[in-house]
Amino acid sequence: MIAKTAGWAKQAAPVGAASLLTLLLGLALLLLAATIAGAPPEHDIVPIGTHALKVRVVTSLAFPAISHVWGPVWGPIGPSTSLAFVRCAAWQEGHASGCPDEFALAKAYWPELTPEPATIYVGLLWPYCIASAPHFNVEYSGGVTSTNVTLHCHHTLPWAGGPSERGSNTAAPPSLQLILVPTAGMSAGPVWVYREDRTERWIQDDSQITLLGQVMIG
């Protein structure tokens, strides 16, 4: 009995080694294929049960400042249904004092815009989020008591490193992209606005979701 067991063990050892070798070879071929294939193609992120939104992007506000008087806008601007509020928020990023009157702010910040009904305004920074196709899309999901709006900032990378489809030129000074999100068709009530930063690869994706804020729509 002992001799039979020893013989089976001698036969099993080569089989186990062969299986391990086959597995390692398969992983190596998979890595090689992913490297040769490069980054996957860009595509919109629209989960099942959500609705794509056609948004407007205004990128006229550049850094480091509009002028030495108005001062720079150093960061993103949270969601709001008021263009006047967004302009005031832009002013306050460079000033400790209260905001000037709406007429003065309108001349300094996005003078080409007029307040629009049924619209959420959100400020995102370029190049940290490129709010243009194919790197950006917006969708929403509506519930009984609230609505979720997600701004997807996405790009692609090969699984084994390499250049990003988004590009690697981050030396340019950042600029503020104002996103105009239409709310027509959404239920009245609170709207939670999120940003998703997603890096897609052939095998594994990285995603980070950040709550930008909440607004009320009527």
C-alpha atoms as a PDB file:
ATOM      1  CA  MET A   1       0.000   0.000   0.000  1.00  0.00           C
ATOM      2  CA  ILE A   2       2.819   2.388   0.864  1.00  0.00           C
ATOM      3  CA  ALA A   3       4.580   1.580  -2.415  1.00  0.00           C
ATOM      4  CA  LYS A   4       1.409   2.360  -4.417  1.00  0.00           C
ATOM      5  CA  THR A   5       0.985   5.718  -2.633  1.00  0.00           C
ATOM      6  CA  ALA A   6       4.574   6.663  -3.294  1.00  0.00           C
ATOM      7  CA  GLY A   7       4.168   5.776  -6.957  1.00  0.00           C
ATOM      8  CA  TRP A   8       1.034   7.938  -7.266  1.00  0.00           C
ATOM      9  CA  ALA A   9       2.862  10.850  -5.654  1.00  0.00           C
ATOM     10  CA  LYS A  10       5.702  10.542  -8.162  1.00  0.00           C
ATOM     11  CA  GLN A  11       3.189  10.644 -11.026  1.00  0.00           C
ATOM     12  CA  ALA A  12       1.217  13.585  -9.531  1.00  0.00           C
ATOM     13  CA  ALA A  13       4.269  15.803  -9.111  1.00  0.00           C
ATOM     14  CA  PRO A  14       4.977  16.173 -12.840  1.00  0.00           C
ATOM     15  CA  VAL A  15       1.263  16.746 -13.529  1.00  0.00           C
ATOM     16  CA  GLY A  16       1.116  19.550 -10.942  1.00  0.00           C
ATOM     17  CA  ALA A  17       4.255  21.176 -12.301  1.00  0.00           C
ATOM     18  CA  ALA A  18       2.878  21.000 -15.828  1.00  0.00           C
ATOM     19  CA  SER A  19      -0.389  22.640 -14.754  1.00  0.00           C
ATOM     20  CA  LEU A  20       1.474  25.445 -13.030  1.00  0.00           C
ATOM     21  CA  LEU A  21       3.680  25.943 -16.083  1.00  0.00           C
ATOM     22  CA  THR A  22       0.608  26.062 -18.333  1.00  0.00           C
ATOM     23  CA  LEU A  23      -1.020  28.640 -16.064  1.00  0.00           C
ATOM     24  CA  LEU A  24       2.075  30.844 -16.029  1.00  0.00           C
ATOM     25  CA  LEU A  25       2.407  30.554 -19.794  1.00  0.00           C
ATOM     26  CA  GLY A  26      -1.244  31.533 -20.211  1.00  0.00           C
ATOM     27  CA  LEU A  27      -0.812  34.598 -18.015  1.00  0.00           C
ATOM     28  CA  ALA A  28       2.306  35.599 -19.938  1.00  0.00           C
ATOM     29  CA  LEU A  29       0.468  35.299 -23.255  1.00  0.00           C
ATOM     30  CA  LEU A  30      -2.451  37.294 -21.842  1.00  0.00           C
ATOM     31  CA  LEU A  31      -0.086  40.048 -20.696  1.00  0.00           C
ATOM     32  CA  LEU A  32       1.630  40.064 -24.088  1.00  0.00           C
ATOM     33  CA  ALA A  33      -1.701  40.277 -25.917  1.00  0.00           C
ATOM     34  CA  ALA A  34      -2.894  43.150 -23.696  1.00  0.00           C
ATOM     35  CA  THR A  35       0.382  45.006 -24.264  1.00  0.00           C
ATOM     36  CA  ILE A  36       0.241  44.561 -28.032  1.00  0.00           C
ATOM     37  CA  ALA A  37      -3.425  45.540 -28.142  1.00  0.00           C
ATOM     38  CA  GLY A  38      -2.661  48.825 -26.378  1.00  0.00           C
ATOM     39  CA  ALA A  39      -5.441  50.844 -24.784  1.00  0.00           C
ATOM     40  CA  PRO A  40      -9.088  49.938 -25.405  1.00  0.00           C
ATOM     41  CA  PRO A  41     -11.229  52.371 -27.434  1.00  0.00           C
ATOM     42  CA  GLU A  42     -12.986  55.225 -25.645  1.00  0.00           C
ATOM     43  CA  HIS A  43     -16.752  54.980 -25.131  1.00  0.00           C
ATOM     44  CA  ASP A  44     -19.470  56.715 -23.139  1.00  0.00           C
ATOM     45  CA  ILE A  45     -20.233  55.404 -19.653  1.00  0.00           C
ATOM     46  CA  VAL A  46     -23.996  54.844 -19.532  1.00  0.00           C
ATOM     47  CA  PRO A  47     -24.969  52.154 -16.980  1.00  0.00           C
ATOM     48  CA  ILE A  48     -28.143  50.141 -17.486  1.00  0.00           C
ATOM     49  CA  GLY A  49     -31.214  51.995 -16.233  1.00  0.00           C
ATOM     50  CA  THR A  50     -29.728  55.468 -16.705  1.00  0.00           C
ATOM     51  CA  HIS A  51     -30.356  58.156 -19.317  1.00  0.00           C
ATOM     52  CA  ALA A  52     -27.669  59.960 -21.317  1.00  0.00           C
ATOM     53  CA  LEU A  53     -27.729  63.755 -21.205  1.00  0.00           C
ATOM     54  CA  LYS A  54     -26.590  66.181 -23.872  1.00  0.00           C
ATOM     55  CA  VAL A  55     -24.729  68.900 -21.989  1.00  0.00           C
ATOM     56  CA  ARG A  56     -23.122  72.170 -23.029  1.00  0.00           C
ATOM     57  CA  VAL A  57     -19.500  72.905 -22.141  1.00  0.00           C
ATOM     58  CA  VAL A  58     -18.180  76.469 -21.923  1.00  0.00           C
ATOM     59  CA  THR A  59     -14.400  76.767 -21.659  1.00  0.00           C
ATOM     60  CA  SER A  60     -13.868  80.489 -22.072  1.00  0.00           C
ATOM     61  CA  LEU A  61     -12.644  81.120 -18.522  1.00  0.00           C
ATOM     62  CA  ALA A  62      -8.867  80.566 -18.429  1.00  0.00           C
ATOM     63  CA  PHE A  63      -6.218  80.713 -15.721  1.00  0.00           C
ATOM     64  CA  PRO A  64      -4.355  82.182 -13.961  1.00  0.00           C
ATOM     65  CA  ALA A  65      -6.666  85.201 -14.025  1.00  0.00           C
ATOM     66  CA  ILE A  66      -9.136  87.100 -16.145  1.00  0.00           C
ATOM     67  CA  SER A  67      -7.431  90.253 -15.011  1.00  0.00           C
ATOM     68  CA  HIS A  68      -5.469  91.473 -12.030  1.00  0.00           C
ATOM     69  CA  VAL A  69      -8.690  93.069 -10.767  1.00  0.00           C
ATOM     70  CA  TRP A  70     -10.985  90.054 -10.889  1.00  0.00           C
ATOM     71  CA  GLY A  71      -8.391  87.540  -9.814  1.00  0.00           C
ATOM     72  CA  PRO A  72      -7.901  83.839 -10.545  1.00  0.00           C
ATOM     73  CA  VAL A  73     -10.334  80.954 -10.189  1.00  0.00           C
ATOM     74  CA  TRP A  74      -8.215  78.332  -8.486  1.00  0.00           C
ATOM     75  CA  GLY A  75     -10.578  75.414  -8.198  1.00  0.00           C
ATOM     76  CA  PRO A  76     -13.745  73.710  -9.404  1.00  0.00           C
ATOM     77  CA  ILE A  77     -17.196  75.138  -8.693  1.00  0.00           C
ATOM     78  CA  GLY A  78     -19.915  73.058  -7.066  1.00  0.00           C
ATOM     79  CA  PRO A  79     -23.283  72.471  -8.726  1.00  0.00           C
ATOM     80  CA  SER A  80     -25.913  75.199  -8.689  1.00  0.00           C
ATOM     81  CA  THR A  81     -29.051  76.094 -10.618  1.00  0.00           C
ATOM     82  CA  SER A  82     -28.091  79.782 -10.462  1.00  0.00           C
ATOM     83  CA  LEU A  83     -25.605  81.299 -12.911  1.00  0.00           C
ATOM     84  CA  ALA A  84     -25.333  84.312 -10.599  1.00  0.00           C
ATOM     85  CA  PHE A  85     -24.280  82.007  -7.746  1.00  0.00           C
ATOM     86  CA  VAL A  86     -21.650  80.342  -9.947  1.00  0.00           C
ATOM     87  CA  ARG A  87     -20.227  83.721 -10.968  1.00  0.00           C
ATOM     88  CA  CYS A  88     -20.089  84.781  -7.342  1.00  0.00           C
ATOM     89  CA  ALA A  89     -18.350  81.509  -6.439  1.00  0.00           C
ATOM     90  CA  ALA A  90     -15.757  82.218  -9.136  1.00  0.00           C
ATOM     91  CA  TRP A  91     -15.164  85.673  -7.633  1.00  0.00           C
ATOM     92  CA  GLN A  92     -14.872  84.359  -4.084  1.00  0.00           C
ATOM     93  CA  GLU A  93     -12.099  81.939  -5.007  1.00  0.00           C
ATOM     94  CA  GLY A  94      -9.794  84.924  -5.393  1.00  0.00           C
ATOM     95  CA  HIS A  95     -11.304  87.372  -2.897  1.00  0.00           C
ATOM     96  CA  ALA A  96     -12.218  87.376   0.770  1.00  0.00           C
ATOM     97  CA  SER A  97     -14.802  90.136   0.358  1.00  0.00           C
ATOM     98  CA  GLY A  98     -18.411  89.859  -0.726  1.00  0.00           C
ATOM     99  CA  CYS A  99     -19.329  89.607  -4.384  1.00  0.00           C
ATOM    100  CA  PRO A 100     -19.905  92.663  -6.608  1.00  0.00           C
ATOM    101  CA  ASP A 101     -23.308  93.180  -8.179  1.00  0.00           C
ATOM    102  CA  GLU A 102     -24.582  90.682 -10.746  1.00  0.00           C
ATOM    103  CA  PHE A 103     -24.062  93.073 -13.669  1.00  0.00           C
ATOM    104  CA  ALA A 104     -20.372  93.477 -12.887  1.00  0.00           C
ATOM    105  CA  LEU A 105     -19.897  89.738 -12.373  1.00  0.00           C
ATOM    106  CA  ALA A 106     -21.672  88.975 -15.645  1.00  0.00           C
ATOM    107  CA  LYS A 107     -19.211  91.192 -17.504  1.00  0.00           C
ATOM    108  CA  ALA A 108     -16.227  89.405 -15.954  1.00  0.00           C
ATOM    109  CA  TYR A 109     -17.282  85.761 -15.810  1.00  0.00           C
ATOM    110  CA  TRP A 110     -18.831  84.049 -18.835  1.00  0.00           C
ATOM    111  CA  PRO A 111     -20.254  87.245 -20.385  1.00  0.00           C
ATOM    112  CA  GLU A 112     -21.573  85.216 -23.306  1.00  0.00           C
ATOM    113  CA  LEU A 113     -24.003  83.345 -21.043  1.00  0.00           C
ATOM    114  CA  THR A 114     -27.446  84.344 -19.843  1.00  0.00           C
ATOM    115  CA  PRO A 115     -29.338  82.504 -17.091  1.00  0.00           C
ATOM    116  CA  GLU A 116     -31.143  79.454 -18.438  1.00  0.00           C
ATOM    117  CA  PRO A 117     -34.101  77.699 -16.810  1.00  0.00           C
ATOM    118  CA  ALA A 118     -33.984  73.997 -15.946  1.00  0.00           C
ATOM    119  CA  THR A 119     -30.174  73.971 -15.881  1.00  0.00           C
ATOM    120  CA  ILE A 120     -27.506  72.857 -13.420  1.00  0.00           C
ATOM    121  CA  TYR A 121     -24.122  74.599 -13.661  1.00  0.00           C
ATOM    122  CA  VAL A 122     -20.976  72.709 -12.604  1.00  0.00           C
ATOM    123  CA  GLY A 123     -17.354  73.880 -12.892  1.00  0.00           C
ATOM    124  CA  LEU A 124     -14.645  71.292 -13.655  1.00  0.00           C
ATOM    125  CA  LEU A 125     -10.932  71.813 -14.183  1.00  0.00           C
ATOM    126  CA  TRP A 126      -9.022  70.965 -17.356  1.00  0.00           C
ATOM    127  CA  PRO A 127      -6.751  68.994 -17.827  1.00  0.00           C
ATOM    128  CA  TYR A 128      -7.783  66.984 -14.747  1.00  0.00           C
ATOM    129  CA  CYS A 129     -11.098  66.332 -16.477  1.00  0.00           C
ATOM    130  CA  ILE A 130     -11.393  66.795 -20.246  1.00  0.00           C
ATOM    131  CA  ALA A 131     -15.045  67.665 -20.804  1.00  0.00           C
ATOM    132  CA  SER A 132     -15.169  66.766 -24.483  1.00  0.00           C
ATOM    133  CA  ALA A 133     -15.745  63.650 -26.554  1.00  0.00           C
ATOM    134  CA  PRO A 134     -14.621  60.940 -26.300  1.00  0.00           C
ATOM    135  CA  HIS A 135     -13.379  61.517 -22.744  1.00  0.00           C
ATOM    136  CA  PHE A 136     -16.563  62.862 -21.138  1.00  0.00           C
ATOM    137  CA  ASN A 137     -20.258  62.137 -20.895  1.00  0.00           C
ATOM    138  CA  VAL A 138     -23.110  62.777 -18.466  1.00  0.00           C
ATOM    139  CA  GLU A 139     -26.045  60.595 -17.471  1.00  0.00           C
ATOM    140  CA  TYR A 140     -28.750  60.560 -14.844  1.00  0.00           C
ATOM    141  CA  SER A 141     -30.926  58.049 -13.028  1.00  0.00           C
ATOM    142  CA  GLY A 142     -34.254  59.086 -11.599  1.00  0.00           C
ATOM    143  CA  GLY A 143     -35.847  57.713  -8.465  1.00  0.00           C
ATOM    144  CA  VAL A 144     -39.073  58.350  -6.587  1.00  0.00           C
ATOM    145  CA  THR A 145     -37.514  60.739  -4.091  1.00  0.00           C
ATOM    146  CA  SER A 146     -34.308  61.950  -5.783  1.00  0.00           C
ATOM    147  CA  THR A 147     -32.250  62.006  -8.974  1.00  0.00           C
ATOM    148  CA  ASN A 148     -28.577  61.214  -9.455  1.00  0.00           C
ATOM    149  CA  VAL A 149     -26.528  62.986 -12.125  1.00  0.00           C
ATOM    150  CA  THR A 150     -23.041  61.655 -12.851  1.00  0.00           C
ATOM    151  CA  LEU A 151     -20.358  63.474 -14.818  1.00  0.00           C
ATOM    152  CA  HIS A 152     -18.007  60.833 -16.211  1.00  0.00           C
ATOM    153  CA  CYS A 153     -14.391  61.893 -16.814  1.00  0.00           C
ATOM    154  CA  HIS A 154     -12.775  58.894 -18.458  1.00  0.00           C
ATOM    155  CA  HIS A 155      -9.732  57.817 -20.427  1.00  0.00           C
ATOM    156  CA  THR A 156      -8.025  54.561 -21.341  1.00  0.00           C
ATOM    157  CA  LEU A 157      -4.661  52.921 -20.693  1.00  0.00           C
ATOM    158  CA  PRO A 158      -2.951  49.699 -21.759  1.00  0.00           C
ATOM    159  CA  TRP A 159      -2.973  47.024 -19.072  1.00  0.00           C
ATOM    160  CA  ALA A 160       0.828  46.970 -18.905  1.00  0.00           C
ATOM    161  CA  GLY A 161       1.422  50.721 -18.886  1.00  0.00           C
ATOM    162  CA  GLY A 162       2.100  52.955 -21.854  1.00  0.00           C
ATOM    163  CA  PRO A 163       0.678  56.299 -22.970  1.00  0.00           C
ATOM    164  CA  SER A 164      -2.836  57.304 -22.036  1.00  0.00           C
ATOM    165  CA  GLU A 165      -5.459  57.904 -24.704  1.00  0.00           C
ATOM    166  CA  ARG A 166      -6.167  61.130 -22.798  1.00  0.00           C
ATOM    167  CA  GLY A 167      -2.661  62.359 -23.525  1.00  0.00           C
ATOM    168  CA  SER A 168       0.188  63.215 -21.210  1.00  0.00           C
ATOM    169  CA  ASN A 169       0.492  66.978 -21.705  1.00  0.00           C
ATOM    170  CA  THR A 170      -0.376  68.372 -18.291  1.00  0.00           C
ATOM    171  CA  ALA A 171       2.073  71.263 -18.470  1.00  0.00           C
ATOM    172  CA  ALA A 172      -0.537  73.676 -19.834  1.00  0.00           C
ATOM    173  CA  PRO A 173      -2.156  75.935 -17.223  1.00  0.00           C
ATOM    174  CA  PRO A 174      -5.523  74.653 -16.012  1.00  0.00           C
ATOM    175  CA  SER A 175      -8.757  76.216 -17.167  1.00  0.00           C
ATOM    176  CA  LEU A 176     -12.282  76.072 -15.833  1.00  0.00           C
ATOM    177  CA  GLN A 177     -14.888  74.229 -17.858  1.00  0.00           C
ATOM    178  CA  LEU A 178     -18.443  75.216 -17.029  1.00  0.00           C
ATOM    179  CA  ILE A 179     -20.829  72.330 -17.645  1.00  0.00           C
ATOM    180  CA  LEU A 180     -24.479  73.193 -18.331  1.00  0.00           C
ATOM    181  CA  VAL A 181     -26.615  70.165 -17.463  1.00  0.00           C
ATOM    182  CA  PRO A 182     -30.271  70.247 -18.585  1.00  0.00           C
ATOM    183  CA  THR A 183     -32.819  69.022 -16.034  1.00  0.00           C
ATOM    184  CA  ALA A 184     -35.835  68.748 -18.367  1.00  0.00           C
ATOM    185  CA  GLY A 185     -37.518  65.411 -17.791  1.00  0.00           C
ATOM    186  CA  MET A 186     -36.158  64.977 -14.275  1.00  0.00           C
ATOM    187  CA  SER A 187     -38.528  64.680 -11.344  1.00  0.00           C
ATOM    188  CA  ALA A 188     -38.854  67.672  -9.040  1.00  0.00           C
ATOM    189  CA  GLY A 189     -36.854  67.409  -5.851  1.00  0.00           C
ATOM    190  CA  PRO A 190     -33.217  66.934  -4.848  1.00  0.00           C
ATOM    191  CA  VAL A 191     -30.587  66.154  -7.459  1.00  0.00           C
ATOM    192  CA  TRP A 192     -27.314  64.635  -6.293  1.00  0.00           C
ATOM    193  CA  VAL A 193     -24.437  65.495  -8.605  1.00  0.00           C
ATOM    194  CA  TYR A 194     -21.445  63.156  -8.789  1.00  0.00           C
ATOM    195  CA  ARG A 195     -18.182  63.048 -10.702  1.00  0.00           C
ATOM    196  CA  GLU A 196     -16.657  59.745 -11.756  1.00  0.00           C
ATOM    197  CA  ASP A 197     -12.982  59.546 -12.719  1.00  0.00           C
ATOM    198  CA  ARG A 198     -12.507  56.319 -14.641  1.00  0.00           C
ATOM    199  CA  THR A 199      -9.437  54.698 -16.189  1.00  0.00           C
ATOM    200  CA  GLU A 200     -10.341  51.785 -18.452  1.00  0.00           C
ATOM    201  CA  ARG A 201      -8.060  48.920 -19.444  1.00  0.00           C
ATOM    202  CA  TRP A 202      -8.740  45.692 -21.283  1.00  0.00           C
ATOM    203  CA  ILE A 203      -8.706  43.635 -18.086  1.00  0.00           C
ATOM    204  CA  GLN A 204      -9.163  45.911 -15.081  1.00  0.00           C
ATOM    205  CA  ASP A 205     -10.743  49.367 -14.657  1.00  0.00           C
ATOM    206  CA  ASP A 206     -10.087  51.962 -11.962  1.00  0.00           C
ATOM    207  CA  SER A 207     -12.935  54.205 -10.868  1.00  0.00           C
ATOM    208  CA  GLN A 208     -13.364  56.890  -8.221  1.00  0.00           C
ATOM    209  CA  ILE A 209     -16.710  58.581  -7.576  1.00  0.00           C
ATOM    210  CA  THR A 210     -16.929  61.933  -5.769  1.00  0.00           C
ATOM    211  CA  LEU A 211     -20.061  63.723  -4.575  1.00  0.00           C
ATOM    212  CA  LEU A 212     -19.942  67.296  -5.906  1.00  0.00           C
ATOM    213  CA  GLY A 213     -23.093  68.536  -4.211  1.00  0.00           C
ATOM    214  CA  GLN A 214     -26.879  68.642  -4.177  1.00  0.00           C
ATOM    215  CA  VAL A 215     -29.328  71.022  -5.830  1.00  0.00           C
ATOM    216  CA  MET A 216     -33.114  71.298  -5.776  1.00  0.00           C
ATOM    217  CA  ILE A 217     -35.162  71.468  -8.951  1.00  0.00           C
ATOM    218  CA  GLY A 218     -38.836  72.333  -9.193  1.00  0.00           C
END
